[in-house]
Amino acid sequence: MARRKTGKILLGVVIGGVIGSALSYLLSGVLPKGPVKNFFFSAIKVGFDTVKVHLGFFSFSLGLSINITLLTIIFIFLMIYLLHKL
C-alpha cells in the first residue's frame, strides 16, 4: 500500500512539474511586464553545476538543475491531490 502511495506522489510531481513548467513558459510570453509576472514566473534554479571527470581513457560530465516557478509548485500539489483522490 505504501509503495502505491509513493508511486502516486512521484507521478504527481513529474506530471505537475511538466505541466506547470510548460504553462509557466507559455504564459510568461503573454503577460506584460510587471509585478504579477515577476511574482508568478520568476524561476528559482536548484541544482549543481557541471562536474567534469577525466580518467585518462574515459571522461564524463555530470550536472543537474531544475527551474522552479510558483505555477510549477501549484500544479505539482494539484496533481498530487487529484491522483490521491483517484
Foldseek 3Di string as FASTA:
>chain_A
DVVVLVVQLVVLLVVLQVVLVVVLVVVLVVDDDDDVSCQFNPWDKDWDDKDWDDDPVDIDIDTDIDTDGPSSVVSSVVSSVVSVVD
